[in-house]
Amino acid sequence: MRRIVACVAAAIAATAIAVPAQAQGPRDCYDEYQRNGRSVEVFCDYGGPGRFQAVAHCSNGLGFYWDQFGTVGRVRGESSFAECTSLLGNPQINDYHVRWL
């Protein structure tokens, strides 16, 4: 059990360090929360250089917070889908931002 908790803590710390700042750009995006607030699908009609990624701000109700990067979407094309997953607790999305690529 200690090994699992240590692995989860290390993964959360690594994710928190690797999270880049949100890119600036026009946001004409809308979202759809799914799976009882565990995932979000984001669509953008305008903005950025044409590709984007949803970044979900997740928590599990046990005091752990992390960012979950979604799939790469295309403006006026494909959506970006991000889902919070956790081995412990009940993962939920607190918020999200759009990262322009």
PDB file of N, CA and C in Angstrom:
ATOM      1  N   MET A   1       0.827  -1.193   0.000  1.00  0.00           N
ATOM      2  CA  MET A   1       0.000   0.000   0.000  1.00  0.00           C
ATOM      3  C   MET A   1       0.869   1.253   0.000  1.00  0.00           C
ATOM      4  N   ARG A   2       1.941   1.235   0.777  1.00  0.00           N
ATOM      5  CA  ARG A   2       2.837   2.398   0.804  1.00  0.00           C
ATOM      6  C   ARG A   2       3.447   2.649  -0.558  1.00  0.00           C
ATOM      7  N   ARG A   3       3.758   1.571  -1.259  1.00  0.00           N
ATOM      8  CA  ARG A   3       4.364   1.707  -2.588  1.00  0.00           C
ATOM      9  C   ARG A   3       3.383   2.381  -3.546  1.00  0.00           C
ATOM     10  N   ILE A   4       2.106   2.022  -3.484  1.00  0.00           N
ATOM     11  CA  ILE A   4       1.092   2.624  -4.356  1.00  0.00           C
ATOM     12  C   ILE A   4       0.936   4.107  -4.043  1.00  0.00           C
ATOM     13  N   VAL A   5       0.853   4.439  -2.766  1.00  0.00           N
ATOM     14  CA  VAL A   5       0.715   5.845  -2.376  1.00  0.00           C
ATOM     15  C   VAL A   5       1.939   6.640  -2.815  1.00  0.00           C
ATOM     16  N   ALA A   6       3.133   6.061  -2.668  1.00  0.00           N
ATOM     17  CA  ALA A   6       4.361   6.745  -3.088  1.00  0.00           C
ATOM     18  C   ALA A   6       4.369   6.965  -4.593  1.00  0.00           C
ATOM     19  N   CYS A   7       3.931   5.977  -5.371  1.00  0.00           N
ATOM     20  CA  CYS A   7       3.876   6.118  -6.829  1.00  0.00           C
ATOM     21  C   CYS A   7       2.878   7.195  -7.245  1.00  0.00           C
ATOM     22  N   VAL A   8       1.722   7.210  -6.607  1.00  0.00           N
ATOM     23  CA  VAL A   8       0.715   8.222  -6.925  1.00  0.00           C
ATOM     24  C   VAL A   8       1.234   9.616  -6.580  1.00  0.00           C
ATOM     25  N   ALA A   9       1.856   9.765  -5.430  1.00  0.00           N
ATOM     26  CA  ALA A   9       2.406  11.065  -5.020  1.00  0.00           C
ATOM     27  C   ALA A   9       3.489  11.519  -5.987  1.00  0.00           C
ATOM     28  N   ALA A  10       4.355  10.597  -6.431  1.00  0.00           N
ATOM     29  CA  ALA A  10       5.417  10.950  -7.381  1.00  0.00           C
ATOM     30  C   ALA A  10       4.821  11.372  -8.720  1.00  0.00           C
ATOM     31  N   ALA A  11       3.784  10.679  -9.176  1.00  0.00           N
ATOM     32  CA  ALA A  11       3.149  11.043 -10.443  1.00  0.00           C
ATOM     33  C   ALA A  11       2.498  12.412 -10.366  1.00  0.00           C
ATOM     34  N   ILE A  12       1.864  12.711  -9.262  1.00  0.00           N
ATOM     35  CA  ILE A  12       1.230  14.018  -9.078  1.00  0.00           C
ATOM     36  C   ILE A  12       2.278  15.117  -9.039  1.00  0.00           C
ATOM     37  N   ALA A  13       3.361  14.892  -8.337  1.00  0.00           N
ATOM     38  CA  ALA A  13       4.435  15.888  -8.259  1.00  0.00           C
ATOM     39  C   ALA A  13       5.051  16.120  -9.631  1.00  0.00           C
ATOM     40  N   ALA A  14       5.279  15.059 -10.395  1.00  0.00           N
ATOM     41  CA  ALA A  14       5.864  15.201 -11.727  1.00  0.00           C
ATOM     42  C   ALA A  14       4.931  15.964 -12.650  1.00  0.00           C
ATOM     43  N   THR A  15       3.640  15.718 -12.552  1.00  0.00           N
ATOM     44  CA  THR A  15       2.667  16.432 -13.383  1.00  0.00           C
ATOM     45  C   THR A  15       2.619  17.904 -13.014  1.00  0.00           C
ATOM     46  N   ALA A  16       2.649  18.204 -11.736  1.00  0.00           N
ATOM     47  CA  ALA A  16       2.585  19.597 -11.289  1.00  0.00           C
ATOM     48  C   ALA A  16       3.798  20.377 -11.767  1.00  0.00           C
ATOM     49  N   ILE A  17       4.962  19.747 -11.803  1.00  0.00           N
ATOM     50  CA  ILE A  17       6.179  20.420 -12.250  1.00  0.00           C
ATOM     51  C   ILE A  17       6.150  20.636 -13.754  1.00  0.00           C
ATOM     52  N   ALA A  18       5.593  19.682 -14.502  1.00  0.00           N
ATOM     53  CA  ALA A  18       5.632  19.734 -15.957  1.00  0.00           C
ATOM     54  C   ALA A  18       4.531  20.585 -16.572  1.00  0.00           C
ATOM     55  N   VAL A  19       3.633  21.139 -15.797  1.00  0.00           N
ATOM     56  CA  VAL A  19       2.506  21.900 -16.337  1.00  0.00           C
ATOM     57  C   VAL A  19       2.984  23.265 -16.825  1.00  0.00           C
ATOM     58  N   PRO A  20       2.836  23.546 -18.131  1.00  0.00           N
ATOM     59  CA  PRO A  20       3.237  24.851 -18.649  1.00  0.00           C
ATOM     60  C   PRO A  20       2.174  25.904 -18.353  1.00  0.00           C
ATOM     61  N   ALA A  21       2.554  27.156 -18.470  1.00  0.00           N
ATOM     62  CA  ALA A  21       1.593  28.241 -18.291  1.00  0.00           C
ATOM     63  C   ALA A  21       0.624  28.235 -19.464  1.00  0.00           C
ATOM     64  N   GLN A  22      -0.569  28.700 -19.219  1.00  0.00           N
ATOM     65  CA  GLN A  22      -1.580  28.741 -20.269  1.00  0.00           C
ATOM     66  C   GLN A  22      -1.156  29.721 -21.352  1.00  0.00           C
ATOM     67  N   ALA A  23      -1.230  29.288 -22.594  1.00  0.00           N
ATOM     68  CA  ALA A  23      -0.906  30.161 -23.711  1.00  0.00           C
ATOM     69  C   ALA A  23      -1.995  31.209 -23.858  1.00  0.00           C
ATOM     70  N   GLN A  24      -1.604  32.391 -24.243  1.00  0.00           N
ATOM     71  CA  GLN A  24      -2.575  33.464 -24.432  1.00  0.00           C
ATOM     72  C   GLN A  24      -3.116  33.421 -25.852  1.00  0.00           C
ATOM     73  N   GLY A  25      -4.333  33.803 -26.017  1.00  0.00           N
ATOM     74  CA  GLY A  25      -4.941  33.836 -27.335  1.00  0.00           C
ATOM     75  C   GLY A  25      -6.433  34.036 -27.201  1.00  0.00           C
ATOM     76  N   PRO A  26      -7.095  34.362 -28.294  1.00  0.00           N
ATOM     77  CA  PRO A  26      -8.541  34.556 -28.220  1.00  0.00           C
ATOM     78  C   PRO A  26      -9.223  33.239 -27.899  1.00  0.00           C
ATOM     79  N   ARG A  27     -10.221  33.288 -27.025  1.00  0.00           N
ATOM     80  CA  ARG A  27     -10.956  32.068 -26.662  1.00  0.00           C
ATOM     81  C   ARG A  27     -12.400  32.205 -27.088  1.00  0.00           C
ATOM     82  N   ASP A  28     -12.758  31.452 -28.070  1.00  0.00           N
ATOM     83  CA  ASP A  28     -14.149  31.338 -28.474  1.00  0.00           C
ATOM     84  C   ASP A  28     -14.484  29.856 -28.417  1.00  0.00           C
ATOM     85  N   CYS A  29     -14.404  29.318 -27.206  1.00  0.00           N
ATOM     86  CA  CYS A  29     -14.565  27.881 -26.992  1.00  0.00           C
ATOM     87  C   CYS A  29     -15.777  27.616 -26.107  1.00  0.00           C
ATOM     88  N   TYR A  30     -16.307  26.436 -26.220  1.00  0.00           N
ATOM     89  CA  TYR A  30     -17.381  26.008 -25.322  1.00  0.00           C
ATOM     90  C   TYR A  30     -17.103  24.568 -24.901  1.00  0.00           C
ATOM     91  N   ASP A  31     -17.743  24.155 -23.821  1.00  0.00           N
ATOM     92  CA  ASP A  31     -17.425  22.859 -23.234  1.00  0.00           C
ATOM     93  C   ASP A  31     -18.673  22.044 -22.956  1.00  0.00           C
ATOM     94  N   GLU A  32     -18.453  20.765 -22.781  1.00  0.00           N
ATOM     95  CA  GLU A  32     -19.477  19.816 -22.359  1.00  0.00           C
ATOM     96  C   GLU A  32     -18.862  18.935 -21.291  1.00  0.00           C
ATOM     97  N   TYR A  33     -19.385  19.020 -20.067  1.00  0.00           N
ATOM     98  CA  TYR A  33     -18.900  18.144 -18.998  1.00  0.00           C
ATOM     99  C   TYR A  33     -19.629  16.811 -19.119  1.00  0.00           C
ATOM    100  N   GLN A  34     -18.877  15.724 -18.945  1.00  0.00           N
ATOM    101  CA  GLN A  34     -19.439  14.393 -19.086  1.00  0.00           C
ATOM    102  C   GLN A  34     -19.017  13.515 -17.915  1.00  0.00           C
ATOM    103  N   ARG A  35     -19.613  12.348 -17.831  1.00  0.00           N
ATOM    104  CA  ARG A  35     -19.264  11.333 -16.827  1.00  0.00           C
ATOM    105  C   ARG A  35     -19.290  11.882 -15.410  1.00  0.00           C
ATOM    106  N   ASN A  36     -20.387  12.525 -15.069  1.00  0.00           N
ATOM    107  CA  ASN A  36     -20.580  13.088 -13.717  1.00  0.00           C
ATOM    108  C   ASN A  36     -19.473  14.053 -13.316  1.00  0.00           C
ATOM    109  N   GLY A  37     -19.015  14.862 -14.254  1.00  0.00           N
ATOM    110  CA  GLY A  37     -17.996  15.860 -13.938  1.00  0.00           C
ATOM    111  C   GLY A  37     -16.583  15.322 -13.901  1.00  0.00           C
ATOM    112  N   ARG A  38     -16.351  14.129 -14.415  1.00  0.00           N
ATOM    113  CA  ARG A  38     -14.992  13.568 -14.447  1.00  0.00           C
ATOM    114  C   ARG A  38     -14.276  13.876 -15.746  1.00  0.00           C
ATOM    115  N   SER A  39     -14.978  14.321 -16.769  1.00  0.00           N
ATOM    116  CA  SER A  39     -14.344  14.613 -18.046  1.00  0.00           C
ATOM    117  C   SER A  39     -14.984  15.847 -18.669  1.00  0.00           C
ATOM    118  N   VAL A  40     -14.233  16.440 -19.599  1.00  0.00           N
ATOM    119  CA  VAL A  40     -14.725  17.611 -20.310  1.00  0.00           C
ATOM    120  C   VAL A  40     -14.310  17.490 -21.773  1.00  0.00           C
ATOM    121  N   GLU A  41     -15.221  17.876 -22.656  1.00  0.00           N
ATOM    122  CA  GLU A  41     -14.934  17.932 -24.082  1.00  0.00           C
ATOM    123  C   GLU A  41     -15.049  19.396 -24.495  1.00  0.00           C
ATOM    124  N   VAL A  42     -13.993  19.923 -25.126  1.00  0.00           N
ATOM    125  CA  VAL A  42     -13.928  21.347 -25.458  1.00  0.00           C
ATOM    126  C   VAL A  42     -13.885  21.508 -26.975  1.00  0.00           C
ATOM    127  N   PHE A  43     -14.703  22.436 -27.474  1.00  0.00           N
ATOM    128  CA  PHE A  43     -14.755  22.773 -28.890  1.00  0.00           C
ATOM    129  C   PHE A  43     -14.372  24.240 -29.035  1.00  0.00           C
ATOM    130  N   CYS A  44     -13.531  24.573 -30.004  1.00  0.00           N
ATOM    131  CA  CYS A  44     -13.147  25.965 -30.255  1.00  0.00           C
ATOM    132  C   CYS A  44     -13.455  26.321 -31.705  1.00  0.00           C
ATOM    133  N   ASP A  45     -14.134  27.455 -31.885  1.00  0.00           N
ATOM    134  CA  ASP A  45     -14.475  27.908 -33.227  1.00  0.00           C
ATOM    135  C   ASP A  45     -13.437  28.864 -33.800  1.00  0.00           C
ATOM    136  N   TYR A  46     -12.757  29.606 -32.938  1.00  0.00           N
ATOM    137  CA  TYR A  46     -11.751  30.569 -33.372  1.00  0.00           C
ATOM    138  C   TYR A  46     -10.613  30.578 -32.372  1.00  0.00           C
ATOM    139  N   GLY A  47      -9.472  31.130 -32.794  1.00  0.00           N
ATOM    140  CA  GLY A  47      -8.394  31.371 -31.861  1.00  0.00           C
ATOM    141  C   GLY A  47      -7.152  30.548 -32.097  1.00  0.00           C
ATOM    142  N   GLY A  48      -6.063  31.074 -31.524  1.00  0.00           N
ATOM    143  CA  GLY A  48      -4.789  30.365 -31.546  1.00  0.00           C
ATOM    144  C   GLY A  48      -4.302  30.065 -32.950  1.00  0.00           C
ATOM    145  N   PRO A  49      -3.301  29.228 -33.042  1.00  0.00           N
ATOM    146  CA  PRO A  49      -2.735  28.867 -34.343  1.00  0.00           C
ATOM    147  C   PRO A  49      -3.465  27.727 -35.044  1.00  0.00           C
ATOM    148  N   GLY A  50      -4.567  27.245 -34.504  1.00  0.00           N
ATOM    149  CA  GLY A  50      -5.324  26.206 -35.182  1.00  0.00           C
ATOM    150  C   GLY A  50      -5.445  24.905 -34.408  1.00  0.00           C
ATOM    151  N   ARG A  51      -4.531  24.647 -33.472  1.00  0.00           N
ATOM    152  CA  ARG A  51      -4.626  23.440 -32.653  1.00  0.00           C
ATOM    153  C   ARG A  51      -4.646  23.834 -31.185  1.00  0.00           C
ATOM    154  N   PHE A  52      -5.324  23.045 -30.375  1.00  0.00           N
ATOM    155  CA  PHE A  52      -5.448  23.352 -28.960  1.00  0.00           C
ATOM    156  C   PHE A  52      -5.572  22.068 -28.164  1.00  0.00           C
ATOM    157  N   GLN A  53      -5.443  22.208 -26.857  1.00  0.00           N
ATOM    158  CA  GLN A  53      -5.541  21.068 -25.952  1.00  0.00           C
ATOM    159  C   GLN A  53      -6.245  21.520 -24.682  1.00  0.00           C
ATOM    160  N   ALA A  54      -7.265  20.773 -24.281  1.00  0.00           N
ATOM    161  CA  ALA A  54      -7.930  21.056 -23.015  1.00  0.00           C
ATOM    162  C   ALA A  54      -7.058  20.505 -21.887  1.00  0.00           C
ATOM    163  N   VAL A  55      -6.918  21.287 -20.823  1.00  0.00           N
ATOM    164  CA  VAL A  55      -6.171  20.850 -19.649  1.00  0.00           C
ATOM    165  C   VAL A  55      -7.119  20.937 -18.455  1.00  0.00           C
ATOM    166  N   ALA A  56      -7.517  19.780 -17.941  1.00  0.00           N
ATOM    167  CA  ALA A  56      -8.461  19.714 -16.824  1.00  0.00           C
ATOM    168  C   ALA A  56      -7.716  19.870 -15.510  1.00  0.00           C
ATOM    169  N   HIS A  57      -8.269  20.685 -14.608  1.00  0.00           N
ATOM    170  CA  HIS A  57      -7.733  20.850 -13.251  1.00  0.00           C
ATOM    171  C   HIS A  57      -8.521  19.887 -12.363  1.00  0.00           C
ATOM    172  N   CYS A  58      -7.869  18.844 -11.913  1.00  0.00           N
ATOM    173  CA  CYS A  58      -8.536  17.732 -11.228  1.00  0.00           C
ATOM    174  C   CYS A  58      -8.253  17.714  -9.731  1.00  0.00           C
ATOM    175  N   SER A  59      -9.153  17.069  -8.999  1.00  0.00           N
ATOM    176  CA  SER A  59      -8.940  16.768  -7.579  1.00  0.00           C
ATOM    177  C   SER A  59      -9.648  15.448  -7.288  1.00  0.00           C
ATOM    178  N   ASN A  60      -9.258  14.807  -6.179  1.00  0.00           N
ATOM    179  CA  ASN A  60      -9.877  13.521  -5.853  1.00  0.00           C
ATOM    180  C   ASN A  60     -10.617  13.534  -4.519  1.00  0.00           C
ATOM    181  N   GLY A  61     -10.782  14.696  -3.921  1.00  0.00           N
ATOM    182  CA  GLY A  61     -11.501  14.788  -2.663  1.00  0.00           C
ATOM    183  C   GLY A  61     -10.670  14.430  -1.445  1.00  0.00           C
ATOM    184  N   LEU A  62      -9.418  14.040  -1.653  1.00  0.00           N
ATOM    185  CA  LEU A  62      -8.532  13.674  -0.552  1.00  0.00           C
ATOM    186  C   LEU A  62      -7.384  14.668  -0.393  1.00  0.00           C
ATOM    187  N   GLY A  63      -7.519  15.832  -1.015  1.00  0.00           N
ATOM    188  CA  GLY A  63      -6.487  16.865  -0.907  1.00  0.00           C
ATOM    189  C   GLY A  63      -5.438  16.815  -2.001  1.00  0.00           C
ATOM    190  N   PHE A  64      -5.606  15.979  -3.020  1.00  0.00           N
ATOM    191  CA  PHE A  64      -4.668  15.914  -4.130  1.00  0.00           C
ATOM    192  C   PHE A  64      -5.236  16.695  -5.313  1.00  0.00           C
ATOM    193  N   TYR A  65      -4.386  17.496  -5.962  1.00  0.00           N
ATOM    194  CA  TYR A  65      -4.773  18.298  -7.110  1.00  0.00           C
ATOM    195  C   TYR A  65      -3.742  18.090  -8.211  1.00  0.00           C
ATOM    196  N   TRP A  66      -4.190  17.977  -9.457  1.00  0.00           N
ATOM    197  CA  TRP A  66      -3.285  17.792 -10.584  1.00  0.00           C
ATOM    198  C   TRP A  66      -3.979  18.256 -11.849  1.00  0.00           C
ATOM    199  N   ASP A  67      -3.183  18.394 -12.921  1.00  0.00           N
ATOM    200  CA  ASP A  67      -3.711  18.751 -14.239  1.00  0.00           C
ATOM    201  C   ASP A  67      -3.658  17.520 -15.127  1.00  0.00           C
ATOM    202  N   GLN A  68      -4.700  17.325 -15.900  1.00  0.00           N
ATOM    203  CA  GLN A  68      -4.771  16.201 -16.828  1.00  0.00           C
ATOM    204  C   GLN A  68      -4.883  16.771 -18.236  1.00  0.00           C
ATOM    205  N   PHE A  69      -3.905  16.485 -19.086  1.00  0.00           N
ATOM    206  CA  PHE A  69      -3.892  16.989 -20.452  1.00  0.00           C
ATOM    207  C   PHE A  69      -4.801  16.148 -21.332  1.00  0.00           C
ATOM    208  N   GLY A  70      -5.562  16.817 -22.180  1.00  0.00           N
ATOM    209  CA  GLY A  70      -6.495  16.131 -23.064  1.00  0.00           C
ATOM    210  C   GLY A  70      -5.897  15.856 -24.427  1.00  0.00           C
ATOM    211  N   THR A  71      -6.736  15.355 -25.310  1.00  0.00           N
ATOM    212  CA  THR A  71      -6.310  15.092 -26.677  1.00  0.00           C
ATOM    213  C   THR A  71      -6.121  16.417 -27.409  1.00  0.00           C
ATOM    214  N   VAL A  72      -5.452  16.373 -28.544  1.00  0.00           N
ATOM    215  CA  VAL A  72      -5.237  17.579 -29.347  1.00  0.00           C
ATOM    216  C   VAL A  72      -6.440  17.773 -30.260  1.00  0.00           C
ATOM    217  N   GLY A  73      -7.007  18.975 -30.213  1.00  0.00           N
ATOM    218  CA  GLY A  73      -8.149  19.308 -31.052  1.00  0.00           C
ATOM    219  C   GLY A  73      -7.758  20.304 -32.127  1.00  0.00           C
ATOM    220  N   ARG A  74      -8.628  20.495 -33.085  1.00  0.00           N
ATOM    221  CA  ARG A  74      -8.406  21.469 -34.158  1.00  0.00           C
ATOM    222  C   ARG A  74      -9.535  22.479 -34.147  1.00  0.00           C
ATOM    223  N   VAL A  75      -9.183  23.744 -34.332  1.00  0.00           N
ATOM    224  CA  VAL A  75     -10.177  24.811 -34.384  1.00  0.00           C
ATOM    225  C   VAL A  75     -11.123  24.535 -35.550  1.00  0.00           C
ATOM    226  N   ARG A  76     -12.424  24.667 -35.276  1.00  0.00           N
ATOM    227  CA  ARG A  76     -13.490  24.388 -36.252  1.00  0.00           C
ATOM    228  C   ARG A  76     -13.401  22.964 -36.792  1.00  0.00           C
ATOM    229  N   GLY A  77     -12.906  22.049 -35.977  1.00  0.00           N
ATOM    230  CA  GLY A  77     -12.777  20.660 -36.423  1.00  0.00           C
ATOM    231  C   GLY A  77     -13.000  19.702 -35.274  1.00  0.00           C
ATOM    232  N   GLU A  78     -11.931  19.126 -34.789  1.00  0.00           N
ATOM    233  CA  GLU A  78     -12.006  18.130 -33.731  1.00  0.00           C
ATOM    234  C   GLU A  78     -11.996  18.774 -32.355  1.00  0.00           C
ATOM    235  N   SER A  79     -12.669  18.128 -31.421  1.00  0.00           N
ATOM    236  CA  SER A  79     -12.683  18.606 -30.043  1.00  0.00           C
ATOM    237  C   SER A  79     -11.488  18.030 -29.291  1.00  0.00           C
ATOM    238  N   SER A  80     -11.234  18.576 -28.105  1.00  0.00           N
ATOM    239  CA  SER A  80     -10.223  18.048 -27.198  1.00  0.00           C
ATOM    240  C   SER A  80     -10.951  17.454 -26.000  1.00  0.00           C
ATOM    241  N   PHE A  81     -10.561  16.243 -25.608  1.00  0.00           N
ATOM    242  CA  PHE A  81     -11.224  15.523 -24.531  1.00  0.00           C
ATOM    243  C   PHE A  81     -10.228  15.253 -23.414  1.00  0.00           C
ATOM    244  N   ALA A  82     -10.544  15.722 -22.202  1.00  0.00           N
ATOM    245  CA  ALA A  82      -9.690  15.491 -21.028  1.00  0.00           C
ATOM    246  C   ALA A  82     -10.514  14.813 -19.949  1.00  0.00           C
ATOM    247  N   GLU A  83      -9.929  13.807 -19.308  1.00  0.00           N
ATOM    248  CA  GLU A  83     -10.635  13.064 -18.267  1.00  0.00           C
ATOM    249  C   GLU A  83      -9.750  12.925 -17.036  1.00  0.00           C
ATOM    250  N   CYS A  84     -10.332  13.190 -15.871  1.00  0.00           N
ATOM    251  CA  CYS A  84      -9.615  13.030 -14.607  1.00  0.00           C
ATOM    252  C   CYS A  84      -9.698  11.576 -14.166  1.00  0.00           C
ATOM    253  N   THR A  85      -8.559  10.988 -13.886  1.00  0.00           N
ATOM    254  CA  THR A  85      -8.502   9.620 -13.377  1.00  0.00           C
ATOM    255  C   THR A  85      -7.636   9.605 -12.131  1.00  0.00           C
ATOM    256  N   SER A  86      -7.956   8.715 -11.209  1.00  0.00           N
ATOM    257  CA  SER A  86      -7.216   8.624  -9.959  1.00  0.00           C
ATOM    258  C   SER A  86      -7.364   7.220  -9.386  1.00  0.00           C
ATOM    259  N   LEU A  87      -6.312   6.727  -8.750  1.00  0.00           N
ATOM    260  CA  LEU A  87      -6.378   5.435  -8.071  1.00  0.00           C
ATOM    261  C   LEU A  87      -7.068   5.556  -6.717  1.00  0.00           C
ATOM    262  N   LEU A  88      -7.040   6.767  -6.165  1.00  0.00           N
ATOM    263  CA  LEU A  88      -7.610   7.001  -4.838  1.00  0.00           C
ATOM    264  C   LEU A  88      -8.697   8.066  -4.916  1.00  0.00           C
ATOM    265  N   GLY A  89      -9.743   7.914  -4.153  1.00  0.00           N
ATOM    266  CA  GLY A  89     -10.785   8.938  -4.070  1.00  0.00           C
ATOM    267  C   GLY A  89     -11.689   8.958  -5.288  1.00  0.00           C
ATOM    268  N   ASN A  90     -12.426  10.053  -5.414  1.00  0.00           N
ATOM    269  CA  ASN A  90     -13.386  10.248  -6.490  1.00  0.00           C
ATOM    270  C   ASN A  90     -12.931  11.422  -7.348  1.00  0.00           C
ATOM    271  N   PRO A  91     -12.307  11.171  -8.506  1.00  0.00           N
ATOM    272  CA  PRO A  91     -11.777  12.270  -9.311  1.00  0.00           C
ATOM    273  C   PRO A  91     -12.879  13.158  -9.888  1.00  0.00           C
ATOM    274  N   GLN A  92     -12.663  14.462  -9.835  1.00  0.00           N
ATOM    275  CA  GLN A  92     -13.596  15.453 -10.368  1.00  0.00           C
ATOM    276  C   GLN A  92     -12.812  16.580 -11.040  1.00  0.00           C
ATOM    277  N   ILE A  93     -13.434  17.228 -12.014  1.00  0.00           N
ATOM    278  CA  ILE A  93     -12.836  18.408 -12.643  1.00  0.00           C
ATOM    279  C   ILE A  93     -13.284  19.630 -11.870  1.00  0.00           C
ATOM    280  N   ASN A  94     -12.322  20.436 -11.417  1.00  0.00           N
ATOM    281  CA  ASN A  94     -12.631  21.690 -10.749  1.00  0.00           C
ATOM    282  C   ASN A  94     -12.794  22.811 -11.765  1.00  0.00           C
ATOM    283  N   ASP A  95     -11.988  22.776 -12.811  1.00  0.00           N
ATOM    284  CA  ASP A  95     -11.963  23.807 -13.847  1.00  0.00           C
ATOM    285  C   ASP A  95     -11.117  23.270 -14.987  1.00  0.00           C
ATOM    286  N   TYR A  96     -10.943  24.040 -16.021  1.00  0.00           N
ATOM    287  CA  TYR A  96     -10.039  23.663 -17.113  1.00  0.00           C
ATOM    288  C   TYR A  96      -9.543  24.922 -17.799  1.00  0.00           C
ATOM    289  N   HIS A  97      -8.494  24.793 -18.583  1.00  0.00           N
ATOM    290  CA  HIS A  97      -8.082  25.884 -19.463  1.00  0.00           C
ATOM    291  C   HIS A  97      -7.701  25.295 -20.812  1.00  0.00           C
ATOM    292  N   VAL A  98      -7.586  26.166 -21.804  1.00  0.00           N
ATOM    293  CA  VAL A  98      -7.218  25.752 -23.146  1.00  0.00           C
ATOM    294  C   VAL A  98      -5.763  26.123 -23.376  1.00  0.00           C
ATOM    295  N   ARG A  99      -4.992  25.164 -23.820  1.00  0.00           N
ATOM    296  CA  ARG A  99      -3.573  25.381 -24.145  1.00  0.00           C
ATOM    297  C   ARG A  99      -3.466  25.391 -25.673  1.00  0.00           C
ATOM    298  N   TRP A 100      -3.016  26.512 -26.228  1.00  0.00           N
ATOM    299  CA  TRP A 100      -2.882  26.633 -27.685  1.00  0.00           C
ATOM    300  C   TRP A 100      -1.560  26.035 -28.118  1.00  0.00           C
ATOM    301  N   LEU A 101      -1.578  25.262 -29.179  1.00  0.00           N
ATOM    302  CA  LEU A 101      -0.378  24.576 -29.656  1.00  0.00           C
ATOM    303  C   LEU A 101       0.106  25.161 -30.973  1.00  0.00           C
TER     304      LEU A 101
END
